[in-house]
Amino acid sequence: MRTKMSPRRALITSAILAIAPTLLFLTYSEKLSAFVILIASTIINWPVIRWLDDRQWYREWIREESK
């Protein structure tokens, strides 16, 4: 069973995931469309999202094994 994310961790995660789209938008908003920026930020954030999810699953698995 998955546990809820703490408010502090949720805030840090959302801040990390907001960095790439914000920087891309500020840097390339005149050259690229918003759709291209959205796709690029998704591609950039995909490994970060997977890493955070894998860490959460691993911690819960260790917790279950140690009981």
N, C-alpha and C. Protein backbone atom coordinates (compact mmCIF):
# COMPACT_ATOMS: atom_id res chain seq x y z
N MET A 1 0.84 -1.18 0.00
CA MET A 1 0.00 0.00 0.00
C MET A 1 0.88 1.24 0.00
N ARG A 2 0.58 2.15 -0.88
CA ARG A 2 1.37 3.38 -0.97
C ARG A 2 0.98 4.34 0.13
N THR A 3 1.99 4.99 0.67
CA THR A 3 1.73 5.98 1.71
C THR A 3 1.66 7.37 1.10
N LYS A 4 1.07 8.28 1.83
CA LYS A 4 0.97 9.65 1.35
C LYS A 4 2.34 10.33 1.44
N MET A 5 2.56 11.25 0.54
CA MET A 5 3.79 12.02 0.54
C MET A 5 3.64 13.15 1.56
N SER A 6 4.69 13.41 2.28
CA SER A 6 4.64 14.49 3.26
C SER A 6 4.49 15.83 2.55
N PRO A 7 3.89 16.81 3.21
CA PRO A 7 3.72 18.12 2.56
C PRO A 7 5.05 18.76 2.15
N ARG A 8 6.07 18.60 2.97
CA ARG A 8 7.38 19.17 2.64
C ARG A 8 7.96 18.51 1.39
N ARG A 9 7.87 17.18 1.31
CA ARG A 9 8.39 16.47 0.14
C ARG A 9 7.59 16.81 -1.11
N ALA A 10 6.28 16.97 -0.96
CA ALA A 10 5.44 17.33 -2.10
C ALA A 10 5.81 18.72 -2.62
N LEU A 11 6.08 19.64 -1.73
CA LEU A 11 6.48 20.99 -2.13
C LEU A 11 7.83 20.98 -2.85
N ILE A 12 8.78 20.23 -2.32
CA ILE A 12 10.10 20.14 -2.95
C ILE A 12 9.99 19.48 -4.32
N THR A 13 9.19 18.42 -4.42
CA THR A 13 9.02 17.73 -5.69
C THR A 13 8.39 18.65 -6.73
N SER A 14 7.35 19.36 -6.34
CA SER A 14 6.71 20.25 -7.31
C SER A 14 7.64 21.39 -7.72
N ALA A 15 8.47 21.87 -6.81
CA ALA A 15 9.43 22.91 -7.17
C ALA A 15 10.47 22.38 -8.15
N ILE A 16 10.95 21.17 -7.92
CA ILE A 16 11.94 20.56 -8.83
C ILE A 16 11.33 20.38 -10.21
N LEU A 17 10.08 19.90 -10.26
CA LEU A 17 9.45 19.65 -11.55
C LEU A 17 9.03 20.93 -12.26
N ALA A 18 8.97 22.04 -11.55
CA ALA A 18 8.59 23.31 -12.18
C ALA A 18 9.79 24.07 -12.73
N ILE A 19 10.99 23.66 -12.37
CA ILE A 19 12.19 24.38 -12.81
C ILE A 19 12.37 24.32 -14.32
N ALA A 20 12.30 23.12 -14.90
CA ALA A 20 12.55 22.97 -16.35
C ALA A 20 11.56 23.75 -17.20
N PRO A 21 10.23 23.61 -16.98
CA PRO A 21 9.32 24.38 -17.83
C PRO A 21 9.48 25.89 -17.68
N THR A 22 9.76 26.33 -16.46
CA THR A 22 9.93 27.77 -16.24
C THR A 22 11.15 28.30 -16.97
N LEU A 23 12.27 27.60 -16.85
CA LEU A 23 13.48 28.04 -17.55
C LEU A 23 13.31 27.99 -19.06
N LEU A 24 12.68 26.92 -19.56
CA LEU A 24 12.45 26.84 -21.00
C LEU A 24 11.54 27.96 -21.49
N PHE A 25 10.50 28.24 -20.73
CA PHE A 25 9.58 29.29 -21.14
C PHE A 25 10.26 30.66 -21.13
N LEU A 26 11.02 30.93 -20.08
CA LEU A 26 11.70 32.22 -19.99
C LEU A 26 12.75 32.39 -21.08
N THR A 27 13.40 31.30 -21.43
CA THR A 27 14.49 31.37 -22.40
C THR A 27 14.01 31.35 -23.85
N TYR A 28 13.03 30.49 -24.15
CA TYR A 28 12.66 30.25 -25.54
C TYR A 28 11.22 30.62 -25.88
N SER A 29 10.56 31.42 -25.07
CA SER A 29 9.15 31.73 -25.33
C SER A 29 8.94 32.49 -26.64
N GLU A 30 9.92 33.25 -27.08
CA GLU A 30 9.79 33.99 -28.33
C GLU A 30 10.05 33.11 -29.55
N LYS A 31 10.85 32.06 -29.36
CA LYS A 31 11.24 31.22 -30.49
C LYS A 31 10.34 29.99 -30.65
N LEU A 32 9.85 29.42 -29.54
CA LEU A 32 9.09 28.18 -29.59
C LEU A 32 7.66 28.39 -29.11
N SER A 33 6.78 27.53 -29.57
CA SER A 33 5.39 27.61 -29.12
C SER A 33 5.28 26.98 -27.73
N ALA A 34 4.18 27.27 -27.07
CA ALA A 34 3.96 26.73 -25.73
C ALA A 34 3.86 25.20 -25.77
N PHE A 35 3.32 24.66 -26.85
CA PHE A 35 3.21 23.21 -26.98
C PHE A 35 4.58 22.54 -27.03
N VAL A 36 5.51 23.11 -27.77
CA VAL A 36 6.86 22.56 -27.87
C VAL A 36 7.56 22.65 -26.51
N ILE A 37 7.36 23.73 -25.81
CA ILE A 37 7.95 23.88 -24.47
C ILE A 37 7.37 22.84 -23.51
N LEU A 38 6.06 22.59 -23.62
CA LEU A 38 5.42 21.57 -22.78
C LEU A 38 5.99 20.19 -23.06
N ILE A 39 6.13 19.84 -24.32
CA ILE A 39 6.69 18.53 -24.69
C ILE A 39 8.14 18.41 -24.22
N ALA A 40 8.93 19.45 -24.42
CA ALA A 40 10.34 19.42 -24.00
C ALA A 40 10.47 19.29 -22.50
N SER A 41 9.65 20.01 -21.75
CA SER A 41 9.74 19.91 -20.29
C SER A 41 9.27 18.55 -19.79
N THR A 42 8.31 17.94 -20.48
CA THR A 42 7.89 16.59 -20.11
C THR A 42 9.02 15.60 -20.34
N ILE A 43 9.70 15.72 -21.47
CA ILE A 43 10.83 14.82 -21.75
C ILE A 43 11.95 15.03 -20.74
N ILE A 44 12.20 16.25 -20.35
CA ILE A 44 13.25 16.53 -19.38
C ILE A 44 12.86 16.00 -17.99
N ASN A 45 11.59 16.18 -17.60
CA ASN A 45 11.16 15.78 -16.27
C ASN A 45 10.86 14.30 -16.13
N TRP A 46 10.71 13.58 -17.23
CA TRP A 46 10.35 12.16 -17.15
C TRP A 46 11.33 11.35 -16.29
N PRO A 47 12.66 11.46 -16.48
CA PRO A 47 13.57 10.70 -15.61
C PRO A 47 13.46 11.11 -14.14
N VAL A 48 13.20 12.37 -13.87
CA VAL A 48 13.06 12.82 -12.48
C VAL A 48 11.82 12.20 -11.85
N ILE A 49 10.72 12.18 -12.58
CA ILE A 49 9.49 11.58 -12.07
C ILE A 49 9.69 10.10 -11.81
N ARG A 50 10.33 9.39 -12.73
CA ARG A 50 10.58 7.95 -12.55
C ARG A 50 11.49 7.70 -11.34
N TRP A 51 12.51 8.52 -11.17
CA TRP A 51 13.44 8.35 -10.06
C TRP A 51 12.73 8.56 -8.72
N LEU A 52 11.91 9.60 -8.64
CA LEU A 52 11.18 9.85 -7.40
C LEU A 52 10.20 8.72 -7.09
N ASP A 53 9.53 8.20 -8.11
CA ASP A 53 8.60 7.11 -7.90
C ASP A 53 9.32 5.83 -7.48
N ASP A 54 10.45 5.54 -8.11
CA ASP A 54 11.23 4.35 -7.74
C ASP A 54 11.73 4.43 -6.31
N ARG A 55 12.16 5.61 -5.88
CA ARG A 55 12.60 5.78 -4.49
C ARG A 55 11.46 5.50 -3.52
N GLN A 56 10.25 5.99 -3.85
CA GLN A 56 9.10 5.78 -2.98
C GLN A 56 8.78 4.29 -2.88
N TRP A 57 8.75 3.59 -4.01
CA TRP A 57 8.46 2.16 -4.00
C TRP A 57 9.52 1.40 -3.22
N TYR A 58 10.80 1.75 -3.40
CA TYR A 58 11.87 1.06 -2.71
C TYR A 58 11.76 1.24 -1.20
N ARG A 59 11.47 2.45 -0.74
CA ARG A 59 11.33 2.67 0.70
C ARG A 59 10.18 1.86 1.27
N GLU A 60 9.07 1.80 0.56
CA GLU A 60 7.93 1.02 1.06
C GLU A 60 8.24 -0.47 1.05
N TRP A 61 8.98 -0.94 0.04
CA TRP A 61 9.34 -2.35 -0.03
C TRP A 61 10.26 -2.73 1.13
N ILE A 62 11.25 -1.88 1.41
CA ILE A 62 12.16 -2.14 2.54
C ILE A 62 11.37 -2.14 3.85
N ARG A 63 10.44 -1.21 4.00
CA ARG A 63 9.63 -1.13 5.21
C ARG A 63 8.81 -2.41 5.40
N GLU A 64 8.25 -2.93 4.31
CA GLU A 64 7.45 -4.16 4.39
C GLU A 64 8.35 -5.36 4.71
N GLU A 65 9.54 -5.42 4.13
CA GLU A 65 10.45 -6.53 4.36
C GLU A 65 10.98 -6.55 5.78
N SER A 66 11.11 -5.39 6.39
CA SER A 66 11.70 -5.35 7.73
C SER A 66 10.68 -5.67 8.84
N LYS A 67 9.41 -5.73 8.49
CA LYS A 67 8.38 -6.05 9.50
C LYS A 67 8.40 -7.50 9.89
